[in-house]
Structures are given as structure tokens and as C-alpha cells.
Amino acid sequence: MAWPHDDDNPAALDVVRRDSGRIRNEQFAVAMEGAQNLLDKAAKAIREGDDERAERLIDRAAAMGWDDREERFPGVAGAEMLLYNLVTDVLEASHDDEHEWLDAALEIMAEGGRAAELVADALYGIGAGSLDYYDLTPGEKKRLLAATGVRELDPDYGMAETTPVAERAALIRANVEAANAYAARVQAVW
């Protein structure tokens, strides 16, 4: 029988490394899914005017620990994905002649502020690597690229393992509020 430390069987070590990496990927995915669940509830609480509950949920997501493998906080990643997934879900539900998904985002961007930056990052995420993935019209591609330009995408906004929970919570709340603003814009015109 070959053991992982057996010098005559280096493939055994590869199996252990691969399985370890897979398990750690799954752990981060589960943590991020948990964060997204908390943030879905926080977004709903904000819409219902229950800021106290929203803050508790956001604080729980912000308190999630640093993942050494992914080099990210699952709560921050979940907040980023909350907004990105909302925009792409609306995009995917749109027909070729429906541009409300993009109009709503561009309106928020025109207002400036933190929500504008976060929505721009979500759009840039679509444009940076996914223009061919989504069935965008030529006009949508042109408008999206004109609005987002070329820049470096930093989904964690410079956060590191030492970033305080309060700073993470502020970024998470801003993403949740941007998602609510985007959803409200889309609902108003759709």
C-alpha cells in the first residue's frame, strides 16, 4: 500500500493536495453562500425599514473570518456577488429590446456616490470578461463599455486580513444598499 509520504509514489501526494484544495474551495463556497443568505435578509430588512435587524445581519456577514486560500472575506465576497447577481439576473431575464437592466444601472452611476461606484464595478465585471457570455446587443455592449471604461477591478476594495470588521461592514452595507437601489430602479420601469 502506498502512503501519501511514500517517495516512490508522488502521485499520492497529488491526490491529497487536490482533495485538500477541493475541500477548501467548497468551504469558502459554503461560507459565501451563508453570507449571501444573511445579506438577502438584510436587503429585505432595509426595504422594510428594519435597520436594526439589517445591521445585525450585516455585522454577522462582516464578522466572517478571512479565507487564506481565497484571500478574501466571505461576507465581502457575498456582498459583491449579491449586487453582481442581481444585475446579471435582470439582464438574463431581459429580451433583446429591453434595456432597463442597463438603464437602471447607468441612472445610479449618473448620481455619483458609493452606490454608483459599486454598480459600475458590477457592470465592469460583466464587461471585463463576460461580454460574449451574455447575449448583449451591440448597443448595450457599447453603452456598457463607455460607462465603465478600462480600469483595474478590485472586488475587495483593498481589504486585507487585518481589515477591521467595522470597515468590512460599511462596504457590505453599501453593496446591499446599492442592490436595493438597483432593484427599485428596475421595478419602477419594468
C-alpha atoms as a PDB file:
ATOM      1  CA  MET A   1       0.000   0.000   0.000  1.00  0.00           C
ATOM      2  CA  ALA A   2       1.336   3.452  -0.894  1.00  0.00           C
ATOM      3  CA  TRP A   3       1.080   6.253   1.642  1.00  0.00           C
ATOM      4  CA  PRO A   4       0.981   9.973   0.818  1.00  0.00           C
ATOM      5  CA  HIS A   5       4.526  10.426   2.152  1.00  0.00           C
ATOM      6  CA  ASP A   6       5.869   7.494   0.134  1.00  0.00           C
ATOM      7  CA  ASP A   7       8.769   8.781  -2.013  1.00  0.00           C
ATOM      8  CA  ASP A   8       8.083   6.031  -4.526  1.00  0.00           C
ATOM      9  CA  ASN A   9       4.535   7.265  -5.081  1.00  0.00           C
ATOM     10  CA  PRO A  10       4.491  11.040  -5.739  1.00  0.00           C
ATOM     11  CA  ALA A  11       1.030  10.747  -7.306  1.00  0.00           C
ATOM     12  CA  ALA A  12      -0.377  10.004  -3.859  1.00  0.00           C
ATOM     13  CA  LEU A  13       0.676  13.462  -2.693  1.00  0.00           C
ATOM     14  CA  ASP A  14      -1.027  15.000  -5.710  1.00  0.00           C
ATOM     15  CA  VAL A  15      -4.284  13.293  -4.727  1.00  0.00           C
ATOM     16  CA  VAL A  16      -4.040  14.640  -1.184  1.00  0.00           C
ATOM     17  CA  ARG A  17      -3.248  18.172  -2.424  1.00  0.00           C
ATOM     18  CA  ARG A  18      -6.080  18.108  -4.956  1.00  0.00           C
ATOM     19  CA  ASP A  19      -8.597  16.806  -2.428  1.00  0.00           C
ATOM     20  CA  SER A  20      -7.458  19.350   0.154  1.00  0.00           C
ATOM     21  CA  GLY A  21      -7.876  22.181  -2.364  1.00  0.00           C
ATOM     22  CA  ARG A  22     -11.310  20.939  -3.385  1.00  0.00           C
ATOM     23  CA  ILE A  23     -12.438  20.777   0.237  1.00  0.00           C
ATOM     24  CA  ARG A  24     -11.164  24.289   0.936  1.00  0.00           C
ATOM     25  CA  ASN A  25     -12.916  25.607  -2.195  1.00  0.00           C
ATOM     26  CA  GLU A  26     -16.140  24.008  -1.008  1.00  0.00           C
ATOM     27  CA  GLN A  27     -15.710  25.511   2.467  1.00  0.00           C
ATOM     28  CA  PHE A  28     -15.367  29.006   1.010  1.00  0.00           C
ATOM     29  CA  ALA A  29     -18.347  28.454  -1.290  1.00  0.00           C
ATOM     30  CA  VAL A  30     -20.476  27.392   1.678  1.00  0.00           C
ATOM     31  CA  ALA A  31     -19.322  30.399   3.725  1.00  0.00           C
ATOM     32  CA  MET A  32     -20.044  32.773   0.833  1.00  0.00           C
ATOM     33  CA  GLU A  33     -23.476  31.211   0.326  1.00  0.00           C
ATOM     34  CA  GLY A  34     -24.164  31.723   4.026  1.00  0.00           C
ATOM     35  CA  ALA A  35     -23.109  35.354   3.714  1.00  0.00           C
ATOM     36  CA  GLN A  36     -25.368  35.849   0.702  1.00  0.00           C
ATOM     37  CA  ASN A  37     -28.279  34.394   2.661  1.00  0.00           C
ATOM     38  CA  LEU A  38     -27.631  36.861   5.501  1.00  0.00           C
ATOM     39  CA  LEU A  39     -27.364  39.728   3.025  1.00  0.00           C
ATOM     40  CA  ASP A  40     -30.558  38.800   1.172  1.00  0.00           C
ATOM     41  CA  LYS A  41     -32.297  39.052   4.542  1.00  0.00           C
ATOM     42  CA  ALA A  42     -30.503  42.329   5.323  1.00  0.00           C
ATOM     43  CA  ALA A  43     -31.624  43.816   2.000  1.00  0.00           C
ATOM     44  CA  LYS A  44     -35.207  42.844   2.772  1.00  0.00           C
ATOM     45  CA  ALA A  45     -34.945  44.296   6.288  1.00  0.00           C
ATOM     46  CA  ILE A  46     -33.695  47.616   4.877  1.00  0.00           C
ATOM     47  CA  ARG A  47     -36.563  47.714   2.364  1.00  0.00           C
ATOM     48  CA  GLU A  48     -38.992  47.086   5.236  1.00  0.00           C
ATOM     49  CA  GLY A  49     -37.425  49.838   7.349  1.00  0.00           C
ATOM     50  CA  ASP A  50     -35.940  47.460   9.937  1.00  0.00           C
ATOM     51  CA  ASP A  51     -32.435  48.934  10.022  1.00  0.00           C
ATOM     52  CA  GLU A  52     -31.654  47.355  13.388  1.00  0.00           C
ATOM     53  CA  ARG A  53     -32.190  43.845  12.026  1.00  0.00           C
ATOM     54  CA  ALA A  54     -30.315  44.714   8.842  1.00  0.00           C
ATOM     55  CA  GLU A  55     -27.314  45.898  10.860  1.00  0.00           C
ATOM     56  CA  ARG A  56     -27.240  42.681  12.884  1.00  0.00           C
ATOM     57  CA  LEU A  57     -27.287  40.598   9.700  1.00  0.00           C
ATOM     58  CA  ILE A  58     -24.632  42.738   8.023  1.00  0.00           C
ATOM     59  CA  ASP A  59     -22.459  42.562  11.141  1.00  0.00           C
ATOM     60  CA  ARG A  60     -22.707  38.763  11.113  1.00  0.00           C
ATOM     61  CA  ALA A  61     -21.583  38.664   7.483  1.00  0.00           C
ATOM     62  CA  ALA A  62     -18.782  41.146   8.191  1.00  0.00           C
ATOM     63  CA  ALA A  63     -17.548  39.053  11.117  1.00  0.00           C
ATOM     64  CA  MET A  64     -16.924  36.024   8.908  1.00  0.00           C
ATOM     65  CA  GLY A  65     -13.222  35.235   9.001  1.00  0.00           C
ATOM     66  CA  TRP A  66     -10.561  35.647   6.357  1.00  0.00           C
ATOM     67  CA  ASP A  67     -10.079  32.739   3.967  1.00  0.00           C
ATOM     68  CA  ASP A  68      -6.346  32.140   3.466  1.00  0.00           C
ATOM     69  CA  ARG A  69      -6.783  30.207   0.230  1.00  0.00           C
ATOM     70  CA  GLU A  70      -9.136  32.665  -1.476  1.00  0.00           C
ATOM     71  CA  GLU A  71      -7.526  35.663   0.240  1.00  0.00           C
ATOM     72  CA  ARG A  72     -10.945  37.167   0.793  1.00  0.00           C
ATOM     73  CA  PHE A  73     -13.624  37.609   3.399  1.00  0.00           C
ATOM     74  CA  PRO A  74     -16.719  35.546   2.507  1.00  0.00           C
ATOM     75  CA  GLY A  75     -19.003  38.337   3.739  1.00  0.00           C
ATOM     76  CA  VAL A  76     -17.416  40.905   1.427  1.00  0.00           C
ATOM     77  CA  ALA A  77     -17.408  38.433  -1.475  1.00  0.00           C
ATOM     78  CA  GLY A  78     -21.059  37.618  -0.788  1.00  0.00           C
ATOM     79  CA  ALA A  79     -21.977  41.306  -0.834  1.00  0.00           C
ATOM     80  CA  GLU A  80     -20.201  41.818  -4.139  1.00  0.00           C
ATOM     81  CA  MET A  81     -21.985  38.814  -5.610  1.00  0.00           C
ATOM     82  CA  LEU A  82     -25.359  39.989  -4.266  1.00  0.00           C
ATOM     83  CA  LEU A  83     -25.170  43.086  -6.466  1.00  0.00           C
ATOM     84  CA  TYR A  84     -23.499  41.386  -9.439  1.00  0.00           C
ATOM     85  CA  ASN A  85     -26.022  38.521  -9.433  1.00  0.00           C
ATOM     86  CA  LEU A  86     -28.929  40.948  -9.227  1.00  0.00           C
ATOM     87  CA  VAL A  87     -27.708  42.867 -12.274  1.00  0.00           C
ATOM     88  CA  THR A  88     -26.996  39.696 -14.264  1.00  0.00           C
ATOM     89  CA  ASP A  89     -30.323  38.114 -13.262  1.00  0.00           C
ATOM     90  CA  VAL A  90     -32.190  41.158 -14.587  1.00  0.00           C
ATOM     91  CA  LEU A  91     -30.002  41.131 -17.705  1.00  0.00           C
ATOM     92  CA  GLU A  92     -30.731  37.461 -18.342  1.00  0.00           C
ATOM     93  CA  ALA A  93     -34.480  37.989 -17.863  1.00  0.00           C
ATOM     94  CA  SER A  94     -34.482  40.833 -20.412  1.00  0.00           C
ATOM     95  CA  HIS A  95     -35.417  40.479 -24.048  1.00  0.00           C
ATOM     96  CA  ASP A  96     -33.256  41.979 -26.799  1.00  0.00           C
ATOM     97  CA  ASP A  97     -35.413  45.102 -26.961  1.00  0.00           C
ATOM     98  CA  GLU A  98     -35.454  45.601 -23.175  1.00  0.00           C
ATOM     99  CA  HIS A  99     -32.590  47.703 -21.886  1.00  0.00           C
ATOM    100  CA  GLU A 100     -33.966  48.541 -18.446  1.00  0.00           C
ATOM    101  CA  TRP A 101     -31.285  46.397 -16.788  1.00  0.00           C
ATOM    102  CA  LEU A 102     -28.621  48.750 -18.144  1.00  0.00           C
ATOM    103  CA  ASP A 103     -30.679  51.956 -17.938  1.00  0.00           C
ATOM    104  CA  ALA A 104     -31.228  51.432 -14.204  1.00  0.00           C
ATOM    105  CA  ALA A 105     -27.516  50.873 -13.602  1.00  0.00           C
ATOM    106  CA  LEU A 106     -26.499  53.918 -15.636  1.00  0.00           C
ATOM    107  CA  GLU A 107     -29.005  56.118 -13.765  1.00  0.00           C
ATOM    108  CA  ILE A 108     -27.454  55.105 -10.441  1.00  0.00           C
ATOM    109  CA  MET A 109     -23.979  55.715 -11.836  1.00  0.00           C
ATOM    110  CA  ALA A 110     -25.001  59.201 -13.010  1.00  0.00           C
ATOM    111  CA  GLU A 111     -25.934  60.139  -9.436  1.00  0.00           C
ATOM    112  CA  GLY A 112     -22.407  59.515  -8.175  1.00  0.00           C
ATOM    113  CA  GLY A 113     -21.503  58.309  -4.709  1.00  0.00           C
ATOM    114  CA  ARG A 114     -20.693  54.905  -3.301  1.00  0.00           C
ATOM    115  CA  ALA A 115     -23.651  53.115  -4.916  1.00  0.00           C
ATOM    116  CA  ALA A 116     -22.550  54.462  -8.296  1.00  0.00           C
ATOM    117  CA  GLU A 117     -19.040  53.053  -7.803  1.00  0.00           C
ATOM    118  CA  LEU A 118     -20.343  49.638  -6.780  1.00  0.00           C
ATOM    119  CA  VAL A 119     -22.827  49.423  -9.655  1.00  0.00           C
ATOM    120  CA  ALA A 120     -20.049  50.480 -12.047  1.00  0.00           C
ATOM    121  CA  ASP A 121     -17.902  47.652 -10.685  1.00  0.00           C
ATOM    122  CA  ALA A 122     -20.723  45.162 -11.249  1.00  0.00           C
ATOM    123  CA  LEU A 123     -21.108  46.387 -14.836  1.00  0.00           C
ATOM    124  CA  TYR A 124     -17.355  46.291 -15.322  1.00  0.00           C
ATOM    125  CA  GLY A 125     -17.389  42.685 -14.125  1.00  0.00           C
ATOM    126  CA  ILE A 126     -19.869  41.904 -16.884  1.00  0.00           C
ATOM    127  CA  GLY A 127     -17.884  43.815 -19.489  1.00  0.00           C
ATOM    128  CA  ALA A 128     -14.402  42.722 -18.460  1.00  0.00           C
ATOM    129  CA  GLY A 129     -14.788  39.054 -19.106  1.00  0.00           C
ATOM    130  CA  SER A 130     -18.340  38.274 -19.972  1.00  0.00           C
ATOM    131  CA  LEU A 131     -19.358  40.383 -22.957  1.00  0.00           C
ATOM    132  CA  ASP A 132     -19.570  37.284 -25.093  1.00  0.00           C
ATOM    133  CA  TYR A 133     -21.121  35.198 -22.324  1.00  0.00           C
ATOM    134  CA  TYR A 134     -24.225  37.359 -22.088  1.00  0.00           C
ATOM    135  CA  ASP A 135     -26.335  37.937 -25.162  1.00  0.00           C
ATOM    136  CA  LEU A 136     -25.876  41.700 -25.263  1.00  0.00           C
ATOM    137  CA  THR A 137     -26.977  43.770 -28.208  1.00  0.00           C
ATOM    138  CA  PRO A 138     -24.253  45.817 -29.930  1.00  0.00           C
ATOM    139  CA  GLY A 139     -25.797  48.955 -28.434  1.00  0.00           C
ATOM    140  CA  GLU A 140     -25.711  47.505 -24.915  1.00  0.00           C
ATOM    141  CA  LYS A 141     -22.073  46.489 -25.320  1.00  0.00           C
ATOM    142  CA  LYS A 142     -21.169  49.975 -26.497  1.00  0.00           C
ATOM    143  CA  ARG A 143     -23.059  51.704 -23.657  1.00  0.00           C
ATOM    144  CA  LEU A 144     -21.652  49.342 -21.035  1.00  0.00           C
ATOM    145  CA  LEU A 145     -18.053  49.792 -22.153  1.00  0.00           C
ATOM    146  CA  ALA A 146     -18.471  53.569 -22.457  1.00  0.00           C
ATOM    147  CA  ALA A 147     -19.845  53.753 -18.920  1.00  0.00           C
ATOM    148  CA  THR A 148     -17.269  51.563 -17.217  1.00  0.00           C
ATOM    149  CA  GLY A 149     -14.120  52.264 -19.201  1.00  0.00           C
ATOM    150  CA  VAL A 150     -10.955  50.307 -18.620  1.00  0.00           C
ATOM    151  CA  ARG A 151      -9.685  50.016 -15.086  1.00  0.00           C
ATOM    152  CA  GLU A 152      -8.381  47.567 -12.585  1.00  0.00           C
ATOM    153  CA  LEU A 153     -11.097  45.633 -10.817  1.00  0.00           C
ATOM    154  CA  ASP A 154     -10.528  45.134  -7.095  1.00  0.00           C
ATOM    155  CA  PRO A 155     -13.626  43.377  -5.754  1.00  0.00           C
ATOM    156  CA  ASP A 156     -12.309  43.505  -2.194  1.00  0.00           C
ATOM    157  CA  TYR A 157     -11.512  47.229  -2.354  1.00  0.00           C
ATOM    158  CA  GLY A 158      -8.056  46.793  -0.874  1.00  0.00           C
ATOM    159  CA  MET A 159      -9.245  44.786   2.091  1.00  0.00           C
ATOM    160  CA  ALA A 160      -6.710  42.541   3.748  1.00  0.00           C
ATOM    161  CA  GLU A 161      -6.754  40.016   6.537  1.00  0.00           C
ATOM    162  CA  THR A 162      -6.247  42.851   9.036  1.00  0.00           C
ATOM    163  CA  THR A 163      -9.174  44.991   7.851  1.00  0.00           C
ATOM    164  CA  PRO A 164     -11.420  45.781  10.844  1.00  0.00           C
ATOM    165  CA  VAL A 165     -14.920  44.328  10.988  1.00  0.00           C
ATOM    166  CA  ALA A 166     -16.465  47.824  11.005  1.00  0.00           C
ATOM    167  CA  GLU A 167     -14.791  48.681   7.691  1.00  0.00           C
ATOM    168  CA  ARG A 168     -15.971  45.409   6.168  1.00  0.00           C
ATOM    169  CA  ALA A 169     -19.493  46.046   7.465  1.00  0.00           C
ATOM    170  CA  ALA A 170     -19.540  49.507   5.849  1.00  0.00           C
ATOM    171  CA  LEU A 171     -18.585  48.056   2.455  1.00  0.00           C
ATOM    172  CA  ILE A 172     -21.101  45.249   2.805  1.00  0.00           C
ATOM    173  CA  ARG A 173     -23.878  47.678   3.741  1.00  0.00           C
ATOM    174  CA  ALA A 174     -23.005  49.883   0.758  1.00  0.00           C
ATOM    175  CA  ASN A 175     -23.323  46.857  -1.554  1.00  0.00           C
ATOM    176  CA  VAL A 176     -26.666  45.888  -0.021  1.00  0.00           C
ATOM    177  CA  GLU A 177     -27.953  49.457  -0.384  1.00  0.00           C
ATOM    178  CA  ALA A 178     -26.712  49.602  -3.990  1.00  0.00           C
ATOM    179  CA  ALA A 179     -28.522  46.327  -4.715  1.00  0.00           C
ATOM    180  CA  ASN A 180     -31.726  47.736  -3.220  1.00  0.00           C
ATOM    181  CA  ALA A 181     -31.351  50.949  -5.232  1.00  0.00           C
ATOM    182  CA  TYR A 182     -30.819  48.959  -8.416  1.00  0.00           C
ATOM    183  CA  ALA A 183     -33.801  46.695  -7.725  1.00  0.00           C
ATOM    184  CA  ALA A 184     -36.025  49.715  -7.044  1.00  0.00           C
ATOM    185  CA  ARG A 185     -34.967  51.368 -10.318  1.00  0.00           C
ATOM    186  CA  VAL A 186     -35.660  48.228 -12.314  1.00  0.00           C
ATOM    187  CA  GLN A 187     -39.058  47.703 -10.662  1.00  0.00           C
ATOM    188  CA  ALA A 188     -40.023  51.309 -11.341  1.00  0.00           C
ATOM    189  CA  VAL A 189     -39.570  50.929 -15.096  1.00  0.00           C
ATOM    190  CA  TRP A 190     -40.267  47.277 -15.735  1.00  0.00           C
END
